[in-house]
Amino acid sequence: MQLGSSRKGRLRNRLIVAVLAAVAGGAAWRVATRRPQLPAPAPEPPRLGYSTNGAHPQHAIQH
């Protein structure tokens, strides 16, 4: 039985676990601190019907 190889294997496993934990922690930190993006401004809705100031559309006037 070789004690040196199992000790190296344990060290390698610990390093892999530490790297994975650091990556997972960094990803969680990035998600938690990310500013939410504002939605794109909506286009102006179409104007329906006549305006309230007394004006009327030009195509409605028929002579």
PDB file of N, CA and C in Angstrom:
ATOM      1  N   MET A   1       0.848  -1.176   0.000  1.00  0.00           N
ATOM      2  CA  MET A   1       0.000   0.000   0.000  1.00  0.00           C
ATOM      3  C   MET A   1       0.888   1.232   0.000  1.00  0.00           C
ATOM      4  N   GLN A   2       0.590   2.191  -0.849  1.00  0.00           N
ATOM      5  CA  GLN A   2       1.405   3.392  -0.946  1.00  0.00           C
ATOM      6  C   GLN A   2       0.690   4.544  -0.252  1.00  0.00           C
ATOM      7  N   LEU A   3       1.279   5.042   0.802  1.00  0.00           N
ATOM      8  CA  LEU A   3       0.660   6.128   1.542  1.00  0.00           C
ATOM      9  C   LEU A   3       0.777   7.452   0.805  1.00  0.00           C
ATOM     10  N   GLY A   4       1.861   7.643   0.079  1.00  0.00           N
ATOM     11  CA  GLY A   4       2.088   8.911  -0.615  1.00  0.00           C
ATOM     12  C   GLY A   4       1.052   9.191  -1.684  1.00  0.00           C
ATOM     13  N   SER A   5       0.661   8.180  -2.436  1.00  0.00           N
ATOM     14  CA  SER A   5      -0.291   8.394  -3.526  1.00  0.00           C
ATOM     15  C   SER A   5      -1.683   8.712  -2.996  1.00  0.00           C
ATOM     16  N   SER A   6      -2.089   8.087  -1.876  1.00  0.00           N
ATOM     17  CA  SER A   6      -3.415   8.384  -1.349  1.00  0.00           C
ATOM     18  C   SER A   6      -3.446   9.790  -0.747  1.00  0.00           C
ATOM     19  N   ARG A   7      -2.311  10.204  -0.185  1.00  0.00           N
ATOM     20  CA  ARG A   7      -2.244  11.554   0.366  1.00  0.00           C
ATOM     21  C   ARG A   7      -2.344  12.582  -0.763  1.00  0.00           C
ATOM     22  N   LYS A   8      -1.696  12.311  -1.893  1.00  0.00           N
ATOM     23  CA  LYS A   8      -1.791  13.216  -3.047  1.00  0.00           C
ATOM     24  C   LYS A   8      -3.207  13.222  -3.619  1.00  0.00           C
ATOM     25  N   GLY A   9      -3.834  12.068  -3.626  1.00  0.00           N
ATOM     26  CA  GLY A   9      -5.194  11.974  -4.129  1.00  0.00           C
ATOM     27  C   GLY A   9      -6.161  12.770  -3.273  1.00  0.00           C
ATOM     28  N   ARG A  10      -5.972  12.700  -1.934  1.00  0.00           N
ATOM     29  CA  ARG A  10      -6.832  13.470  -1.045  1.00  0.00           C
ATOM     30  C   ARG A  10      -6.618  14.966  -1.226  1.00  0.00           C
ATOM     31  N   LEU A  11      -5.374  15.360  -1.421  1.00  0.00           N
ATOM     32  CA  LEU A  11      -5.078  16.776  -1.629  1.00  0.00           C
ATOM     33  C   LEU A  11      -5.706  17.264  -2.932  1.00  0.00           C
ATOM     34  N   ARG A  12      -5.601  16.442  -3.960  1.00  0.00           N
ATOM     35  CA  ARG A  12      -6.204  16.817  -5.238  1.00  0.00           C
ATOM     36  C   ARG A  12      -7.720  16.916  -5.116  1.00  0.00           C
ATOM     37  N   ASN A  13      -8.336  15.985  -4.418  1.00  0.00           N
ATOM     38  CA  ASN A  13      -9.781  16.043  -4.225  1.00  0.00           C
ATOM     39  C   ASN A  13     -10.175  17.287  -3.444  1.00  0.00           C
ATOM     40  N   ARG A  14      -9.403  17.629  -2.432  1.00  0.00           N
ATOM     41  CA  ARG A  14      -9.703  18.829  -1.652  1.00  0.00           C
ATOM     42  C   ARG A  14      -9.561  20.085  -2.510  1.00  0.00           C
ATOM     43  N   LEU A  15      -8.560  20.110  -3.355  1.00  0.00           N
ATOM     44  CA  LEU A  15      -8.391  21.265  -4.250  1.00  0.00           C
ATOM     45  C   LEU A  15      -9.559  21.369  -5.224  1.00  0.00           C
ATOM     46  N   ILE A  16      -9.989  20.251  -5.759  1.00  0.00           N
ATOM     47  CA  ILE A  16     -11.122  20.265  -6.693  1.00  0.00           C
ATOM     48  C   ILE A  16     -12.376  20.760  -5.988  1.00  0.00           C
ATOM     49  N   VAL A  17     -12.615  20.277  -4.771  1.00  0.00           N
ATOM     50  CA  VAL A  17     -13.791  20.702  -4.008  1.00  0.00           C
ATOM     51  C   VAL A  17     -13.696  22.190  -3.693  1.00  0.00           C
ATOM     52  N   ALA A  18     -12.502  22.673  -3.341  1.00  0.00           N
ATOM     53  CA  ALA A  18     -12.330  24.090  -3.027  1.00  0.00           C
ATOM     54  C   ALA A  18     -12.569  24.959  -4.260  1.00  0.00           C
ATOM     55  N   VAL A  19     -12.087  24.530  -5.405  1.00  0.00           N
ATOM     56  CA  VAL A  19     -12.299  25.295  -6.638  1.00  0.00           C
ATOM     57  C   VAL A  19     -13.781  25.303  -7.012  1.00  0.00           C
ATOM     58  N   LEU A  20     -14.431  24.168  -6.911  1.00  0.00           N
ATOM     59  CA  LEU A  20     -15.863  24.116  -7.220  1.00  0.00           C
ATOM     60  C   LEU A  20     -16.672  24.981  -6.260  1.00  0.00           C
ATOM     61  N   ALA A  21     -16.301  24.975  -4.986  1.00  0.00           N
ATOM     62  CA  ALA A  21     -17.009  25.814  -4.010  1.00  0.00           C
ATOM     63  C   ALA A  21     -16.783  27.295  -4.314  1.00  0.00           C
ATOM     64  N   ALA A  22     -15.566  27.652  -4.709  1.00  0.00           N
ATOM     65  CA  ALA A  22     -15.283  29.052  -5.045  1.00  0.00           C
ATOM     66  C   ALA A  22     -16.061  29.483  -6.281  1.00  0.00           C
ATOM     67  N   VAL A  23     -16.132  28.626  -7.280  1.00  0.00           N
ATOM     68  CA  VAL A  23     -16.886  28.954  -8.495  1.00  0.00           C
ATOM     69  C   VAL A  23     -18.368  29.094  -8.170  1.00  0.00           C
ATOM     70  N   ALA A  24     -18.917  28.178  -7.381  1.00  0.00           N
ATOM     71  CA  ALA A  24     -20.327  28.253  -7.023  1.00  0.00           C
ATOM     72  C   ALA A  24     -20.610  29.494  -6.187  1.00  0.00           C
ATOM     73  N   GLY A  25     -19.717  29.810  -5.261  1.00  0.00           N
ATOM     74  CA  GLY A  25     -19.893  31.012  -4.449  1.00  0.00           C
ATOM     75  C   GLY A  25     -19.805  32.276  -5.280  1.00  0.00           C
ATOM     76  N   GLY A  26     -18.884  32.316  -6.221  1.00  0.00           N
ATOM     77  CA  GLY A  26     -18.764  33.474  -7.104  1.00  0.00           C
ATOM     78  C   GLY A  26     -19.982  33.648  -7.985  1.00  0.00           C
ATOM     79  N   ALA A  27     -20.506  32.551  -8.474  1.00  0.00           N
ATOM     80  CA  ALA A  27     -21.708  32.642  -9.307  1.00  0.00           C
ATOM     81  C   ALA A  27     -22.905  33.113  -8.485  1.00  0.00           C
ATOM     82  N   ALA A  28     -23.030  32.608  -7.265  1.00  0.00           N
ATOM     83  CA  ALA A  28     -24.136  33.041  -6.400  1.00  0.00           C
ATOM     84  C   ALA A  28     -23.993  34.518  -6.047  1.00  0.00           C
ATOM     85  N   TRP A  29     -22.771  34.966  -5.776  1.00  0.00           N
ATOM     86  CA  TRP A  29     -22.533  36.384  -5.460  1.00  0.00           C
ATOM     87  C   TRP A  29     -22.868  37.248  -6.661  1.00  0.00           C
ATOM     88  N   ARG A  30     -22.491  36.807  -7.840  1.00  0.00           N
ATOM     89  CA  ARG A  30     -22.758  37.578  -9.064  1.00  0.00           C
ATOM     90  C   ARG A  30     -24.266  37.710  -9.306  1.00  0.00           C
ATOM     91  N   VAL A  31     -24.995  36.638  -9.101  1.00  0.00           N
ATOM     92  CA  VAL A  31     -26.445  36.678  -9.301  1.00  0.00           C
ATOM     93  C   VAL A  31     -27.099  37.582  -8.255  1.00  0.00           C
ATOM     94  N   ALA A  32     -26.615  37.528  -7.020  1.00  0.00           N
ATOM     95  CA  ALA A  32     -27.225  38.302  -5.946  1.00  0.00           C
ATOM     96  C   ALA A  32     -26.948  39.794  -6.089  1.00  0.00           C
ATOM     97  N   THR A  33     -25.794  40.163  -6.627  1.00  0.00           N
ATOM     98  CA  THR A  33     -25.431  41.579  -6.706  1.00  0.00           C
ATOM     99  C   THR A  33     -25.742  42.197  -8.055  1.00  0.00           C
ATOM    100  N   ARG A  34     -26.219  41.415  -9.006  1.00  0.00           N
ATOM    101  CA  ARG A  34     -26.496  41.951 -10.337  1.00  0.00           C
ATOM    102  C   ARG A  34     -27.687  42.888 -10.271  1.00  0.00           C
ATOM    103  N   ARG A  35     -27.568  44.047 -10.872  1.00  0.00           N
ATOM    104  CA  ARG A  35     -28.682  44.985 -10.923  1.00  0.00           C
ATOM    105  C   ARG A  35     -29.705  44.488 -11.931  1.00  0.00           C
ATOM    106  N   PRO A  36     -30.976  44.537 -11.573  1.00  0.00           N
ATOM    107  CA  PRO A  36     -31.975  44.109 -12.565  1.00  0.00           C
ATOM    108  C   PRO A  36     -32.038  45.096 -13.718  1.00  0.00           C
ATOM    109  N   GLN A  37     -32.157  44.572 -14.909  1.00  0.00           N
ATOM    110  CA  GLN A  37     -32.231  45.411 -16.095  1.00  0.00           C
ATOM    111  C   GLN A  37     -33.641  45.964 -16.230  1.00  0.00           C
ATOM    112  N   LEU A  38     -33.735  47.240 -16.506  1.00  0.00           N
ATOM    113  CA  LEU A  38     -35.033  47.849 -16.712  1.00  0.00           C
ATOM    114  C   LEU A  38     -35.618  47.374 -18.037  1.00  0.00           C
ATOM    115  N   PRO A  39     -36.922  47.167 -18.106  1.00  0.00           N
ATOM    116  CA  PRO A  39     -37.511  46.749 -19.380  1.00  0.00           C
ATOM    117  C   PRO A  39     -37.426  47.877 -20.402  1.00  0.00           C
ATOM    118  N   ALA A  40     -37.433  47.498 -21.646  1.00  0.00           N
ATOM    119  CA  ALA A  40     -37.384  48.499 -22.718  1.00  0.00           C
ATOM    120  C   ALA A  40     -38.648  49.358 -22.653  1.00  0.00           C
ATOM    121  N   PRO A  41     -38.527  50.640 -22.945  1.00  0.00           N
ATOM    122  CA  PRO A  41     -39.728  51.486 -22.890  1.00  0.00           C
ATOM    123  C   PRO A  41     -40.754  51.029 -23.924  1.00  0.00           C
ATOM    124  N   ALA A  42     -41.996  51.060 -23.509  1.00  0.00           N
ATOM    125  CA  ALA A  42     -43.070  50.627 -24.396  1.00  0.00           C
ATOM    126  C   ALA A  42     -43.322  51.701 -25.450  1.00  0.00           C
ATOM    127  N   PRO A  43     -43.693  51.299 -26.649  1.00  0.00           N
ATOM    128  CA  PRO A  43     -44.020  52.301 -27.666  1.00  0.00           C
ATOM    129  C   PRO A  43     -45.280  53.064 -27.254  1.00  0.00           C
ATOM    130  N   GLU A  44     -45.431  54.241 -27.798  1.00  0.00           N
ATOM    131  CA  GLU A  44     -46.601  55.052 -27.472  1.00  0.00           C
ATOM    132  C   GLU A  44     -47.850  54.351 -27.985  1.00  0.00           C
ATOM    133  N   PRO A  45     -48.865  54.226 -27.139  1.00  0.00           N
ATOM    134  CA  PRO A  45     -50.075  53.532 -27.598  1.00  0.00           C
ATOM    135  C   PRO A  45     -50.793  54.354 -28.657  1.00  0.00           C
ATOM    136  N   PRO A  46     -51.539  53.720 -29.529  1.00  0.00           N
ATOM    137  CA  PRO A  46     -52.268  54.476 -30.559  1.00  0.00           C
ATOM    138  C   PRO A  46     -53.356  55.335 -29.920  1.00  0.00           C
ATOM    139  N   ARG A  47     -53.588  56.462 -30.499  1.00  0.00           N
ATOM    140  CA  ARG A  47     -54.635  57.353 -29.998  1.00  0.00           C
ATOM    141  C   ARG A  47     -55.947  56.953 -30.660  1.00  0.00           C
ATOM    142  N   LEU A  48     -56.902  56.605 -29.829  1.00  0.00           N
ATOM    143  CA  LEU A  48     -58.181  56.120 -30.330  1.00  0.00           C
ATOM    144  C   LEU A  48     -59.248  57.194 -30.142  1.00  0.00           C
ATOM    145  N   GLY A  49     -60.116  57.333 -31.102  1.00  0.00           N
ATOM    146  CA  GLY A  49     -61.241  58.258 -30.983  1.00  0.00           C
ATOM    147  C   GLY A  49     -60.821  59.704 -31.187  1.00  0.00           C
ATOM    148  N   TYR A  50     -61.708  60.602 -30.864  1.00  0.00           N
ATOM    149  CA  TYR A  50     -61.470  62.036 -31.040  1.00  0.00           C
ATOM    150  C   TYR A  50     -60.795  62.600 -29.805  1.00  0.00           C
ATOM    151  N   SER A  51     -60.093  63.677 -29.992  1.00  0.00           N
ATOM    152  CA  SER A  51     -59.458  64.319 -28.854  1.00  0.00           C
ATOM    153  C   SER A  51     -60.500  65.124 -28.088  1.00  0.00           C
ATOM    154  N   THR A  52     -60.181  65.482 -26.875  1.00  0.00           N
ATOM    155  CA  THR A  52     -61.135  66.205 -26.032  1.00  0.00           C
ATOM    156  C   THR A  52     -61.054  67.712 -26.221  1.00  0.00           C
ATOM    157  N   ASN A  53     -60.150  68.200 -27.059  1.00  0.00           N
ATOM    158  CA  ASN A  53     -60.011  69.641 -27.211  1.00  0.00           C
ATOM    159  C   ASN A  53     -60.855  70.200 -28.366  1.00  0.00           C
ATOM    160  N   GLY A  54     -61.726  69.425 -28.914  1.00  0.00           N
ATOM    161  CA  GLY A  54     -62.618  69.901 -29.960  1.00  0.00           C
ATOM    162  C   GLY A  54     -62.112  69.678 -31.371  1.00  0.00           C
ATOM    163  N   ALA A  55     -60.902  69.267 -31.520  1.00  0.00           N
ATOM    164  CA  ALA A  55     -60.381  69.020 -32.868  1.00  0.00           C
ATOM    165  C   ALA A  55     -60.941  67.696 -33.386  1.00  0.00           C
ATOM    166  N   HIS A  56     -61.051  67.607 -34.672  1.00  0.00           N
ATOM    167  CA  HIS A  56     -61.524  66.362 -35.255  1.00  0.00           C
ATOM    168  C   HIS A  56     -60.614  66.000 -36.422  1.00  0.00           C
ATOM    169  N   PRO A  57     -60.563  64.720 -36.757  1.00  0.00           N
ATOM    170  CA  PRO A  57     -59.665  64.302 -37.829  1.00  0.00           C
ATOM    171  C   PRO A  57     -60.060  64.919 -39.173  1.00  0.00           C
ATOM    172  N   GLN A  58     -59.079  65.148 -40.008  1.00  0.00           N
ATOM    173  CA  GLN A  58     -59.312  65.781 -41.297  1.00  0.00           C
ATOM    174  C   GLN A  58     -60.136  64.891 -42.224  1.00  0.00           C
ATOM    175  N   HIS A  59     -59.936  63.592 -42.156  1.00  0.00           N
ATOM    176  CA  HIS A  59     -60.664  62.710 -43.081  1.00  0.00           C
ATOM    177  C   HIS A  59     -62.146  62.588 -42.720  1.00  0.00           C
ATOM    178  N   ALA A  60     -62.532  63.022 -41.538  1.00  0.00           N
ATOM    179  CA  ALA A  60     -63.945  62.936 -41.155  1.00  0.00           C
ATOM    180  C   ALA A  60     -64.773  64.078 -41.736  1.00  0.00           C
ATOM    181  N   ILE A  61     -64.109  65.137 -42.176  1.00  0.00           N
ATOM    182  CA  ILE A  61     -64.831  66.265 -42.755  1.00  0.00           C
ATOM    183  C   ILE A  61     -65.097  65.968 -44.219  1.00  0.00           C
ATOM    184  N   GLN A  62     -66.345  65.893 -44.595  1.00  0.00           N
ATOM    185  CA  GLN A  62     -66.690  65.626 -45.981  1.00  0.00           C
ATOM    186  C   GLN A  62     -67.610  66.755 -46.480  1.00  0.00           C
ATOM    187  N   HIS A  63     -67.241  67.379 -47.569  1.00  0.00           N
ATOM    188  CA  HIS A  63     -68.035  68.485 -48.127  1.00  0.00           C
ATOM    189  C   HIS A  63     -68.818  68.021 -49.322  1.00  0.00           C
TER     190      HIS A  63
END
